[in-house]
C-alpha atoms as a PDB file:
ATOM      1  CA  UNK A   1       0.000   0.000   0.000  1.00  0.00           C
ATOM      2  CA  UNK A   2       2.902   2.329   0.752  1.00  0.00           C
ATOM      3  CA  UNK A   3       5.885   3.374  -1.252  1.00  0.00           C
ATOM      4  CA  UNK A   4       9.220   1.640  -1.014  1.00  0.00           C
ATOM      5  CA  UNK A   5      11.269   2.226   2.160  1.00  0.00           C
ATOM      6  CA  UNK A   6      12.726   5.725   2.247  1.00  0.00           C
ATOM      7  CA  UNK A   7      16.100   6.638   3.671  1.00  0.00           C
ATOM      8  CA  UNK A   8      15.598  10.356   4.283  1.00  0.00           C
ATOM      9  CA  UNK A   9      17.669  11.478   7.264  1.00  0.00           C
ATOM     10  CA  UNK A  10      16.700  15.166   7.492  1.00  0.00           C
ATOM     11  CA  UNK A  11      13.334  15.635   9.217  1.00  0.00           C
ATOM     12  CA  UNK A  12      10.648  17.975   7.979  1.00  0.00           C
ATOM     13  CA  UNK A  13      10.532  21.386   9.631  1.00  0.00           C
ATOM     14  CA  UNK A  14       9.415  21.180  13.252  1.00  0.00           C
ATOM     15  CA  UNK A  15       9.419  17.391  13.301  1.00  0.00           C
ATOM     16  CA  UNK A  16      11.434  15.106  15.582  1.00  0.00           C
ATOM     17  CA  UNK A  17      13.864  12.846  13.660  1.00  0.00           C
ATOM     18  CA  UNK A  18      12.396   9.590  14.910  1.00  0.00           C
ATOM     19  CA  UNK A  19      10.441   6.823  13.194  1.00  0.00           C
ATOM     20  CA  UNK A  20       7.393   5.532  15.049  1.00  0.00           C
ATOM     21  CA  UNK A  21       6.703   1.824  14.419  1.00  0.00           C
ATOM     22  CA  UNK A  22       3.124   0.611  14.922  1.00  0.00           C
ATOM     23  CA  UNK A  23       1.872  -2.952  14.372  1.00  0.00           C
ATOM     24  CA  UNK A  24      -1.793  -3.277  13.441  1.00  0.00           C
ATOM     25  CA  UNK A  25      -4.548  -5.703  12.666  1.00  0.00           C
ATOM     26  CA  UNK A  26      -8.109  -4.401  12.818  1.00  0.00           C
ATOM     27  CA  UNK A  27      -7.183  -1.369  14.924  1.00  0.00           C
ATOM     28  CA  UNK A  28      -9.605   1.034  13.260  1.00  0.00           C
ATOM     29  CA  UNK A  29     -11.034   2.086  16.625  1.00  0.00           C
ATOM     30  CA  UNK A  30      -7.627   3.144  17.977  1.00  0.00           C
ATOM     31  CA  UNK A  31      -5.201   3.998  15.185  1.00  0.00           C
ATOM     32  CA  UNK A  32      -6.243   7.645  14.774  1.00  0.00           C
ATOM     33  CA  UNK A  33      -6.047   8.318  18.505  1.00  0.00           C
ATOM     34  CA  UNK A  34      -2.635   6.683  18.612  1.00  0.00           C
ATOM     35  CA  UNK A  35      -1.221   8.580  15.643  1.00  0.00           C
ATOM     36  CA  UNK A  36      -2.542  11.939  16.797  1.00  0.00           C
ATOM     37  CA  UNK A  37      -0.378  11.557  19.908  1.00  0.00           C
ATOM     38  CA  UNK A  38       2.786  11.259  17.798  1.00  0.00           C
ATOM     39  CA  UNK A  39       2.015  13.838  15.114  1.00  0.00           C
ATOM     40  CA  UNK A  40       5.318  15.508  16.059  1.00  0.00           C
ATOM     41  CA  UNK A  41       7.300  12.533  14.705  1.00  0.00           C
ATOM     42  CA  UNK A  42       8.849  12.895  11.256  1.00  0.00           C
ATOM     43  CA  UNK A  43       8.042   9.336  10.206  1.00  0.00           C
ATOM     44  CA  UNK A  44       5.279   6.884  11.128  1.00  0.00           C
ATOM     45  CA  UNK A  45       5.489   3.313   9.837  1.00  0.00           C
ATOM     46  CA  UNK A  46       2.436   1.071  10.151  1.00  0.00           C
ATOM     47  CA  UNK A  47       2.977  -2.661   9.618  1.00  0.00           C
ATOM     48  CA  UNK A  48      -0.418  -4.248   9.061  1.00  0.00           C
ATOM     49  CA  UNK A  49      -0.934  -8.009   9.167  1.00  0.00           C
ATOM     50  CA  UNK A  50      -4.233  -8.381   7.347  1.00  0.00           C
ATOM     51  CA  UNK A  51      -6.807  -5.923   8.671  1.00  0.00           C
ATOM     52  CA  UNK A  52     -10.323  -6.447   7.371  1.00  0.00           C
ATOM     53  CA  UNK A  53     -11.516  -3.046   8.593  1.00  0.00           C
ATOM     54  CA  UNK A  54     -10.275   0.368   7.439  1.00  0.00           C
ATOM     55  CA  UNK A  55      -7.181   0.528   9.674  1.00  0.00           C
ATOM     56  CA  UNK A  56      -4.791   0.932   6.760  1.00  0.00           C
ATOM     57  CA  UNK A  57      -6.870   3.662   5.123  1.00  0.00           C
ATOM     58  CA  UNK A  58      -7.191   5.637   8.357  1.00  0.00           C
ATOM     59  CA  UNK A  59      -3.463   5.396   9.034  1.00  0.00           C
ATOM     60  CA  UNK A  60      -2.520   6.443   5.508  1.00  0.00           C
ATOM     61  CA  UNK A  61      -4.913   9.398   5.674  1.00  0.00           C
ATOM     62  CA  UNK A  62      -2.971  10.707   8.682  1.00  0.00           C
ATOM     63  CA  UNK A  63       0.350  10.440   6.879  1.00  0.00           C
ATOM     64  CA  UNK A  64       1.639   7.017   7.877  1.00  0.00           C
ATOM     65  CA  UNK A  65       3.545   4.830   5.456  1.00  0.00           C
ATOM     66  CA  UNK A  66       1.602   1.580   5.541  1.00  0.00           C
ATOM     67  CA  UNK A  67       3.033  -1.837   4.686  1.00  0.00           C
ATOM     68  CA  UNK A  68       0.992  -5.022   4.465  1.00  0.00           C
ATOM     69  CA  UNK A  69       3.022  -7.956   5.785  1.00  0.00           C
ATOM     70  CA  UNK A  70       1.652 -11.352   6.919  1.00  0.00           C
ATOM     71  CA  UNK A  71       2.046 -12.021  10.633  1.00  0.00           C
ATOM     72  CA  UNK A  72       5.425 -13.578  11.488  1.00  0.00           C
ATOM     73  CA  UNK A  73       5.593 -13.118  15.248  1.00  0.00           C
ATOM     74  CA  UNK A  74       6.179 -10.116  17.486  1.00  0.00           C
ATOM     75  CA  UNK A  75       9.926  -9.684  16.994  1.00  0.00           C
ATOM     76  CA  UNK A  76      10.024 -10.425  13.227  1.00  0.00           C
ATOM     77  CA  UNK A  77       7.057  -8.118  12.659  1.00  0.00           C
ATOM     78  CA  UNK A  78       8.670  -5.266  14.560  1.00  0.00           C
ATOM     79  CA  UNK A  79      11.901  -5.821  12.670  1.00  0.00           C
ATOM     80  CA  UNK A  80       9.994  -5.433   9.402  1.00  0.00           C
ATOM     81  CA  UNK A  81       8.892  -1.979  10.523  1.00  0.00           C
ATOM     82  CA  UNK A  82      12.324  -1.021  11.859  1.00  0.00           C
ATOM     83  CA  UNK A  83      13.957  -1.973   8.557  1.00  0.00           C
ATOM     84  CA  UNK A  84      11.580   0.395   6.723  1.00  0.00           C
ATOM     85  CA  UNK A  85      12.172   3.349   9.070  1.00  0.00           C
ATOM     86  CA  UNK A  86      13.537   6.593   7.641  1.00  0.00           C
ATOM     87  CA  UNK A  87      15.505   7.317  10.795  1.00  0.00           C
ATOM     88  CA  UNK A  88      17.865   5.255  12.917  1.00  0.00           C
ATOM     89  CA  UNK A  89      16.096   6.322  16.104  1.00  0.00           C
ATOM     90  CA  UNK A  90      12.861   4.367  16.392  1.00  0.00           C
ATOM     91  CA  UNK A  91       9.946   4.560  18.809  1.00  0.00           C
ATOM     92  CA  UNK A  92       7.983   1.325  19.252  1.00  0.00           C
ATOM     93  CA  UNK A  93       4.310   2.058  19.846  1.00  0.00           C
ATOM     94  CA  UNK A  94       1.164  -0.077  20.089  1.00  0.00           C
ATOM     95  CA  UNK A  95      -2.013   0.982  18.321  1.00  0.00           C
ATOM     96  CA  UNK A  96      -3.960   1.101  21.608  1.00  0.00           C
ATOM     97  CA  UNK A  97      -1.428   3.326  23.385  1.00  0.00           C
ATOM     98  CA  UNK A  98      -1.425   7.098  23.816  1.00  0.00           C
ATOM     99  CA  UNK A  99       1.558   9.411  24.357  1.00  0.00           C
ATOM    100  CA  UNK A 100       0.879  12.261  26.768  1.00  0.00           C
ATOM    101  CA  UNK A 101       2.292  15.759  26.270  1.00  0.00           C
ATOM    102  CA  UNK A 102       4.979  15.339  28.924  1.00  0.00           C
ATOM    103  CA  UNK A 103       6.338  12.210  27.294  1.00  0.00           C
ATOM    104  CA  UNK A 104       6.197  13.821  23.846  1.00  0.00           C
ATOM    105  CA  UNK A 105       8.256  16.761  25.141  1.00  0.00           C
ATOM    106  CA  UNK A 106      10.742  14.398  26.789  1.00  0.00           C
ATOM    107  CA  UNK A 107      11.238  12.458  23.552  1.00  0.00           C
ATOM    108  CA  UNK A 108      11.768  15.685  21.618  1.00  0.00           C
ATOM    109  CA  UNK A 109      14.356  16.875  24.150  1.00  0.00           C
ATOM    110  CA  UNK A 110      16.166  13.518  24.126  1.00  0.00           C
ATOM    111  CA  UNK A 111      16.331  13.016  20.359  1.00  0.00           C
ATOM    112  CA  UNK A 112      16.301  16.576  19.001  1.00  0.00           C
ATOM    113  CA  UNK A 113      17.781  18.520  21.900  1.00  0.00           C
ATOM    114  CA  UNK A 114      21.021  20.498  22.038  1.00  0.00           C
ATOM    115  CA  UNK A 115      23.029  17.409  23.039  1.00  0.00           C
ATOM    116  CA  UNK A 116      22.950  14.586  20.460  1.00  0.00           C
ATOM    117  CA  UNK A 117      21.765  11.295  21.960  1.00  0.00           C
ATOM    118  CA  UNK A 118      24.235   8.438  22.358  1.00  0.00           C
ATOM    119  CA  UNK A 119      23.193   5.708  19.868  1.00  0.00           C
ATOM    120  CA  UNK A 120      24.221   3.070  22.413  1.00  0.00           C
ATOM    121  CA  UNK A 121      21.544   4.184  24.885  1.00  0.00           C
ATOM    122  CA  UNK A 122      17.955   3.048  25.204  1.00  0.00           C
ATOM    123  CA  UNK A 123      15.093   5.182  26.509  1.00  0.00           C
ATOM    124  CA  UNK A 124      12.451   3.694  28.789  1.00  0.00           C
ATOM    125  CA  UNK A 125       8.906   4.937  29.300  1.00  0.00           C
ATOM    126  CA  UNK A 126       6.372   4.459  32.066  1.00  0.00           C
ATOM    127  CA  UNK A 127       3.421   2.557  30.662  1.00  0.00           C
ATOM    128  CA  UNK A 128       0.214   2.653  32.640  1.00  0.00           C
ATOM    129  CA  UNK A 129      -2.906   0.616  31.970  1.00  0.00           C
ATOM    130  CA  UNK A 130      -6.423   1.987  32.104  1.00  0.00           C
ATOM    131  CA  UNK A 131      -8.944  -0.647  33.125  1.00  0.00           C
ATOM    132  CA  UNK A 132     -12.444  -0.430  34.579  1.00  0.00           C
ATOM    133  CA  UNK A 133     -12.204   3.290  33.829  1.00  0.00           C
ATOM    134  CA  UNK A 134      -9.228   3.765  36.172  1.00  0.00           C
ATOM    135  CA  UNK A 135      -5.523   4.294  35.551  1.00  0.00           C
ATOM    136  CA  UNK A 136      -3.806   1.399  37.297  1.00  0.00           C
ATOM    137  CA  UNK A 137      -0.607   1.716  39.355  1.00  0.00           C
ATOM    138  CA  UNK A 138       2.778   0.956  37.818  1.00  0.00           C
ATOM    139  CA  UNK A 139       3.343  -2.793  38.189  1.00  0.00           C
ATOM    140  CA  UNK A 140       6.864  -3.390  36.869  1.00  0.00           C
ATOM    141  CA  UNK A 141       9.726  -4.020  39.236  1.00  0.00           C
ATOM    142  CA  UNK A 142      12.925  -2.015  38.849  1.00  0.00           C
ATOM    143  CA  UNK A 143      14.660  -4.515  36.575  1.00  0.00           C
ATOM    144  CA  UNK A 144      11.700  -4.817  34.231  1.00  0.00           C
ATOM    145  CA  UNK A 145      11.230  -1.054  34.137  1.00  0.00           C
ATOM    146  CA  UNK A 146      14.895  -0.511  33.234  1.00  0.00           C
ATOM    147  CA  UNK A 147      14.446  -3.057  30.446  1.00  0.00           C
ATOM    148  CA  UNK A 148      11.222  -1.487  29.136  1.00  0.00           C
ATOM    149  CA  UNK A 149      12.978   0.302  26.277  1.00  0.00           C
ATOM    150  CA  UNK A 150      10.717   1.736  23.591  1.00  0.00           C
ATOM    151  CA  UNK A 151      13.101   4.240  21.946  1.00  0.00           C
ATOM    152  CA  UNK A 152      16.460   3.091  20.631  1.00  0.00           C
ATOM    153  CA  UNK A 153      18.897   3.412  17.750  1.00  0.00           C
ATOM    154  CA  UNK A 154      18.577   0.520  15.313  1.00  0.00           C
ATOM    155  CA  UNK A 155      22.271   0.623  14.401  1.00  0.00           C
ATOM    156  CA  UNK A 156      23.375  -0.241  17.940  1.00  0.00           C
ATOM    157  CA  UNK A 157      20.374  -2.035  19.422  1.00  0.00           C
ATOM    158  CA  UNK A 158      18.051  -4.888  18.502  1.00  0.00           C
ATOM    159  CA  UNK A 159      15.353  -7.121  19.895  1.00  0.00           C
ATOM    160  CA  UNK A 160      16.383 -10.284  21.706  1.00  0.00           C
ATOM    161  CA  UNK A 161      16.055 -12.943  19.002  1.00  0.00           C
ATOM    162  CA  UNK A 162      14.807 -15.667  21.370  1.00  0.00           C
ATOM    163  CA  UNK A 163      11.916 -13.698  22.820  1.00  0.00           C
ATOM    164  CA  UNK A 164       8.503 -14.798  21.601  1.00  0.00           C
ATOM    165  CA  UNK A 165       6.411 -12.362  23.635  1.00  0.00           C
ATOM    166  CA  UNK A 166       7.056  -9.499  26.082  1.00  0.00           C
ATOM    167  CA  UNK A 167      10.124  -8.889  23.945  1.00  0.00           C
ATOM    168  CA  UNK A 168      13.030  -6.805  25.224  1.00  0.00           C
ATOM    169  CA  UNK A 169      15.619  -4.674  23.457  1.00  0.00           C
ATOM    170  CA  UNK A 170      19.306  -5.527  23.709  1.00  0.00           C
ATOM    171  CA  UNK A 171      21.335  -2.305  23.869  1.00  0.00           C
ATOM    172  CA  UNK A 172      24.965  -1.653  24.884  1.00  0.00           C
ATOM    173  CA  UNK A 173      24.543   1.690  26.661  1.00  0.00           C
ATOM    174  CA  UNK A 174      22.542   3.237  29.462  1.00  0.00           C
ATOM    175  CA  UNK A 175      18.864   2.761  30.255  1.00  0.00           C
ATOM    176  CA  UNK A 176      17.495   6.307  30.431  1.00  0.00           C
ATOM    177  CA  UNK A 177      13.987   6.909  31.815  1.00  0.00           C
ATOM    178  CA  UNK A 178      11.817   9.570  30.211  1.00  0.00           C
ATOM    179  CA  UNK A 179       9.262  11.694  32.042  1.00  0.00           C
ATOM    180  CA  UNK A 180       5.627  11.358  31.113  1.00  0.00           C
ATOM    181  CA  UNK A 181       3.191   8.510  30.616  1.00  0.00           C
ATOM    182  CA  UNK A 182       2.426   6.026  27.873  1.00  0.00           C
ATOM    183  CA  UNK A 183      -1.219   5.196  28.500  1.00  0.00           C
ATOM    184  CA  UNK A 184      -2.487   1.785  27.412  1.00  0.00           C
ATOM    185  CA  UNK A 185      -6.249   1.909  26.976  1.00  0.00           C
ATOM    186  CA  UNK A 186      -8.219  -0.646  24.987  1.00  0.00           C
ATOM    187  CA  UNK A 187     -11.509  -0.598  26.881  1.00  0.00           C
ATOM    188  CA  UNK A 188     -11.648  -4.347  27.394  1.00  0.00           C
ATOM    189  CA  UNK A 189     -14.387  -5.860  29.505  1.00  0.00           C
ATOM    190  CA  UNK A 190     -13.555  -8.466  32.146  1.00  0.00           C
ATOM    191  CA  UNK A 191     -14.316 -11.297  29.712  1.00  0.00           C
ATOM    192  CA  UNK A 192     -12.297  -9.774  26.877  1.00  0.00           C
ATOM    193  CA  UNK A 193      -9.274  -9.246  29.098  1.00  0.00           C
ATOM    194  CA  UNK A 194      -9.402 -12.805  30.427  1.00  0.00           C
ATOM    195  CA  UNK A 195      -9.662 -14.108  26.863  1.00  0.00           C
ATOM    196  CA  UNK A 196      -6.588 -12.067  25.989  1.00  0.00           C
ATOM    197  CA  UNK A 197      -4.663 -13.534  28.931  1.00  0.00           C
ATOM    198  CA  UNK A 198      -5.511 -17.036  27.738  1.00  0.00           C
ATOM    199  CA  UNK A 199      -4.594 -16.174  24.165  1.00  0.00           C
ATOM    200  CA  UNK A 200      -1.032 -15.184  25.108  1.00  0.00           C
ATOM    201  CA  UNK A 201      -0.507 -17.784  27.860  1.00  0.00           C
ATOM    202  CA  UNK A 202       0.690 -20.361  25.345  1.00  0.00           C
ATOM    203  CA  UNK A 203       3.400 -18.034  24.026  1.00  0.00           C
ATOM    204  CA  UNK A 204       4.427 -17.188  27.580  1.00  0.00           C
ATOM    205  CA  UNK A 205       4.721 -20.881  28.475  1.00  0.00           C
ATOM    206  CA  UNK A 206       6.782 -21.451  25.316  1.00  0.00           C
ATOM    207  CA  UNK A 207       9.173 -18.682  26.300  1.00  0.00           C
ATOM    208  CA  UNK A 208       9.514 -19.974  29.851  1.00  0.00           C
ATOM    209  CA  UNK A 209      10.275 -23.449  28.530  1.00  0.00           C
ATOM    210  CA  UNK A 210      12.931 -22.091  26.161  1.00  0.00           C
ATOM    211  CA  UNK A 211      14.607 -20.413  29.116  1.00  0.00           C
ATOM    212  CA  UNK A 212      14.777 -23.733  30.938  1.00  0.00           C
ATOM    213  CA  UNK A 213      12.128 -22.893  33.540  1.00  0.00           C
ATOM    214  CA  UNK A 214      10.811 -25.920  35.440  1.00  0.00           C
ATOM    215  CA  UNK A 215       7.198 -25.863  36.602  1.00  0.00           C
ATOM    216  CA  UNK A 216       6.552 -27.744  39.818  1.00  0.00           C
ATOM    217  CA  UNK A 217       3.165 -28.013  41.516  1.00  0.00           C
ATOM    218  CA  UNK A 218       4.467 -25.669  44.219  1.00  0.00           C
ATOM    219  CA  UNK A 219       5.337 -22.998  41.635  1.00  0.00           C
ATOM    220  CA  UNK A 220       1.895 -23.331  40.040  1.00  0.00           C
ATOM    221  CA  UNK A 221       0.451 -22.539  43.469  1.00  0.00           C
ATOM    222  CA  UNK A 222       2.967 -19.973  44.716  1.00  0.00           C
ATOM    223  CA  UNK A 223       3.544 -17.696  41.730  1.00  0.00           C
ATOM    224  CA  UNK A 224      -0.097 -16.604  41.315  1.00  0.00           C
ATOM    225  CA  UNK A 225      -0.270 -15.816  45.038  1.00  0.00           C
ATOM    226  CA  UNK A 226       2.950 -13.795  44.870  1.00  0.00           C
ATOM    227  CA  UNK A 227       1.729 -11.963  41.780  1.00  0.00           C
ATOM    228  CA  UNK A 228      -1.524 -11.052  43.531  1.00  0.00           C
ATOM    229  CA  UNK A 229       0.345  -9.713  46.558  1.00  0.00           C
ATOM    230  CA  UNK A 230       2.666  -7.698  44.318  1.00  0.00           C
ATOM    231  CA  UNK A 231      -0.148  -6.067  42.340  1.00  0.00           C
ATOM    232  CA  UNK A 232      -2.670  -5.603  45.124  1.00  0.00           C
ATOM    233  CA  UNK A 233      -0.425  -4.825  48.106  1.00  0.00           C
ATOM    234  CA  UNK A 234       3.018  -3.677  46.936  1.00  0.00           C
ATOM    235  CA  UNK A 235       1.831  -1.713  43.875  1.00  0.00           C
ATOM    236  CA  UNK A 236      -1.166  -0.226  45.684  1.00  0.00           C
ATOM    237  CA  UNK A 237      -4.073  -1.897  43.903  1.00  0.00           C
ATOM    238  CA  UNK A 238      -5.922  -1.896  47.230  1.00  0.00           C
ATOM    239  CA  UNK A 239      -6.260   1.885  46.954  1.00  0.00           C
ATOM    240  CA  UNK A 240      -8.619   1.448  43.986  1.00  0.00           C
ATOM    241  CA  UNK A 241     -11.231  -0.476  45.947  1.00  0.00           C
ATOM    242  CA  UNK A 242     -13.251  -3.138  44.126  1.00  0.00           C
ATOM    243  CA  UNK A 243     -11.697  -2.558  40.682  1.00  0.00           C
ATOM    244  CA  UNK A 244      -8.220  -2.892  42.165  1.00  0.00           C
ATOM    245  CA  UNK A 245      -9.121  -6.193  43.822  1.00  0.00           C
ATOM    246  CA  UNK A 246     -10.714  -7.641  40.694  1.00  0.00           C
ATOM    247  CA  UNK A 247      -7.771  -6.556  38.547  1.00  0.00           C
ATOM    248  CA  UNK A 248      -5.216  -8.073  40.934  1.00  0.00           C
ATOM    249  CA  UNK A 249      -7.128 -11.367  40.899  1.00  0.00           C
ATOM    250  CA  UNK A 250      -7.210 -11.275  37.090  1.00  0.00           C
ATOM    251  CA  UNK A 251      -3.451 -10.755  36.897  1.00  0.00           C
ATOM    252  CA  UNK A 252      -2.911 -13.587  39.375  1.00  0.00           C
ATOM    253  CA  UNK A 253      -5.109 -15.811  37.199  1.00  0.00           C
ATOM    254  CA  UNK A 254      -3.017 -14.970  34.140  1.00  0.00           C
ATOM    255  CA  UNK A 255       0.055 -16.009  36.140  1.00  0.00           C
ATOM    256  CA  UNK A 256      -1.658 -19.298  36.969  1.00  0.00           C
ATOM    257  CA  UNK A 257      -2.492 -19.868  33.301  1.00  0.00           C
ATOM    258  CA  UNK A 258       1.099 -19.665  32.090  1.00  0.00           C
ATOM    259  CA  UNK A 259       2.480 -21.778  34.926  1.00  0.00           C
ATOM    260  CA  UNK A 260      -0.293 -24.369  34.595  1.00  0.00           C
ATOM    261  CA  UNK A 261       0.300 -24.654  30.846  1.00  0.00           C
ATOM    262  CA  UNK A 262       4.036 -25.127  31.420  1.00  0.00           C
ATOM    263  CA  UNK A 263       3.371 -27.683  34.163  1.00  0.00           C
ATOM    264  CA  UNK A 264       1.024 -29.589  31.869  1.00  0.00           C
ATOM    265  CA  UNK A 265       3.614 -29.742  29.106  1.00  0.00           C
ATOM    266  CA  UNK A 266       6.370 -30.932  31.405  1.00  0.00           C
ATOM    267  CA  UNK A 267       4.398 -33.385  33.527  1.00  0.00           C
ATOM    268  CA  UNK A 268       1.338 -34.496  31.552  1.00  0.00           C
ATOM    269  CA  UNK A 269       2.203 -34.116  27.891  1.00  0.00           C
ATOM    270  CA  UNK A 270       5.871 -35.037  28.124  1.00  0.00           C
ATOM    271  CA  UNK A 271       6.740 -37.204  25.172  1.00  0.00           C
ATOM    272  CA  UNK A 272       3.520 -36.411  23.353  1.00  0.00           C
ATOM    273  CA  UNK A 273       3.737 -34.575  20.036  1.00  0.00           C
ATOM    274  CA  UNK A 274       2.810 -30.911  20.192  1.00  0.00           C
ATOM    275  CA  UNK A 275       2.357 -28.457  17.319  1.00  0.00           C
ATOM    276  CA  UNK A 276       5.502 -26.494  16.533  1.00  0.00           C
ATOM    277  CA  UNK A 277       3.500 -23.303  16.042  1.00  0.00           C
ATOM    278  CA  UNK A 278       2.727 -20.979  18.902  1.00  0.00           C
ATOM    279  CA  UNK A 279      -0.912 -21.232  20.060  1.00  0.00           C
ATOM    280  CA  UNK A 280      -3.356 -18.893  18.426  1.00  0.00           C
ATOM    281  CA  UNK A 281      -6.521 -17.294  19.712  1.00  0.00           C
ATOM    282  CA  UNK A 282      -8.505 -20.094  18.087  1.00  0.00           C
ATOM    283  CA  UNK A 283      -6.595 -22.704  20.076  1.00  0.00           C
ATOM    284  CA  UNK A 284      -7.028 -20.854  23.366  1.00  0.00           C
ATOM    285  CA  UNK A 285     -10.216 -22.642  24.331  1.00  0.00           C
ATOM    286  CA  UNK A 286      -8.501 -26.010  23.931  1.00  0.00           C
ATOM    287  CA  UNK A 287      -5.624 -24.840  26.088  1.00  0.00           C
ATOM    288  CA  UNK A 288      -8.095 -23.690  28.714  1.00  0.00           C
ATOM    289  CA  UNK A 289      -9.791 -27.075  28.794  1.00  0.00           C
ATOM    290  CA  UNK A 290      -6.452 -28.839  29.188  1.00  0.00           C
ATOM    291  CA  UNK A 291      -5.488 -26.466  32.013  1.00  0.00           C
ATOM    292  CA  UNK A 292      -8.743 -27.268  33.779  1.00  0.00           C
ATOM    293  CA  UNK A 293      -8.172 -31.003  33.323  1.00  0.00           C
ATOM    294  CA  UNK A 294      -4.608 -30.695  34.622  1.00  0.00           C
ATOM    295  CA  UNK A 295      -5.793 -28.714  37.631  1.00  0.00           C
ATOM    296  CA  UNK A 296      -8.465 -31.308  38.395  1.00  0.00           C
ATOM    297  CA  UNK A 297      -5.932 -34.121  38.101  1.00  0.00           C
ATOM    298  CA  UNK A 298      -3.581 -32.457  40.572  1.00  0.00           C
ATOM    299  CA  UNK A 299      -6.210 -32.079  43.308  1.00  0.00           C
END
């Protein structure tokens, strides 16, 4: 849909020399809101994996360069966008995220300020979720927050090639936090969010298994409890009343899902043939049934 990749290095007047990379599939409800928050960027690249709505048309109308590429996984798909960027500094953004004015100003100062940025560095942002109409507390620990790099130079940094989901950037320099907020707001209901957790649980279990993680029955029990305590107590979910409690229980359930799936694979399905492909949304229901069966068998 778009032209061939451009290699312009000089930004248009008043624009920040950064390429924003957005992955889409049927994001018509969010893409305009997302792009309006980064209108200051000189280049916006949208990598679409088969939208059946008017996502591509809406993005192109706002000035994005849109490329249609079949889905290949999170890291390969992002790399497709990075390779087509006009600038070496790239900003990875999701279609259902919004950049506030403080963060926009911080990015401008970091990339287009008086002091040129070090291409070895990576810039982290504070991402906050809005759920049940409330902005939830920050839930990442210090290590994960330092690793939550969204702005980096493609000549010195890259995504970890072994990460399937929750991918992280490998960069040789400093992790520099930026002021402001990246707001994640999709408007999911309880059921939609739980379905999403189940959809990605298979990929999460795959990644844990690749890292050599062993799932014992004790870990299946303990990790969800610890995750609940982290979100509800340590991160302050209790301050939000009922919504904070329900959200913390949902997050704990998602933790149970990934550990239960890994436990099932290592203790129930060991030696049985499994599909090489990562689970899809369509296979989520089957995974859920097997988790329930495994849970029943362990009681």
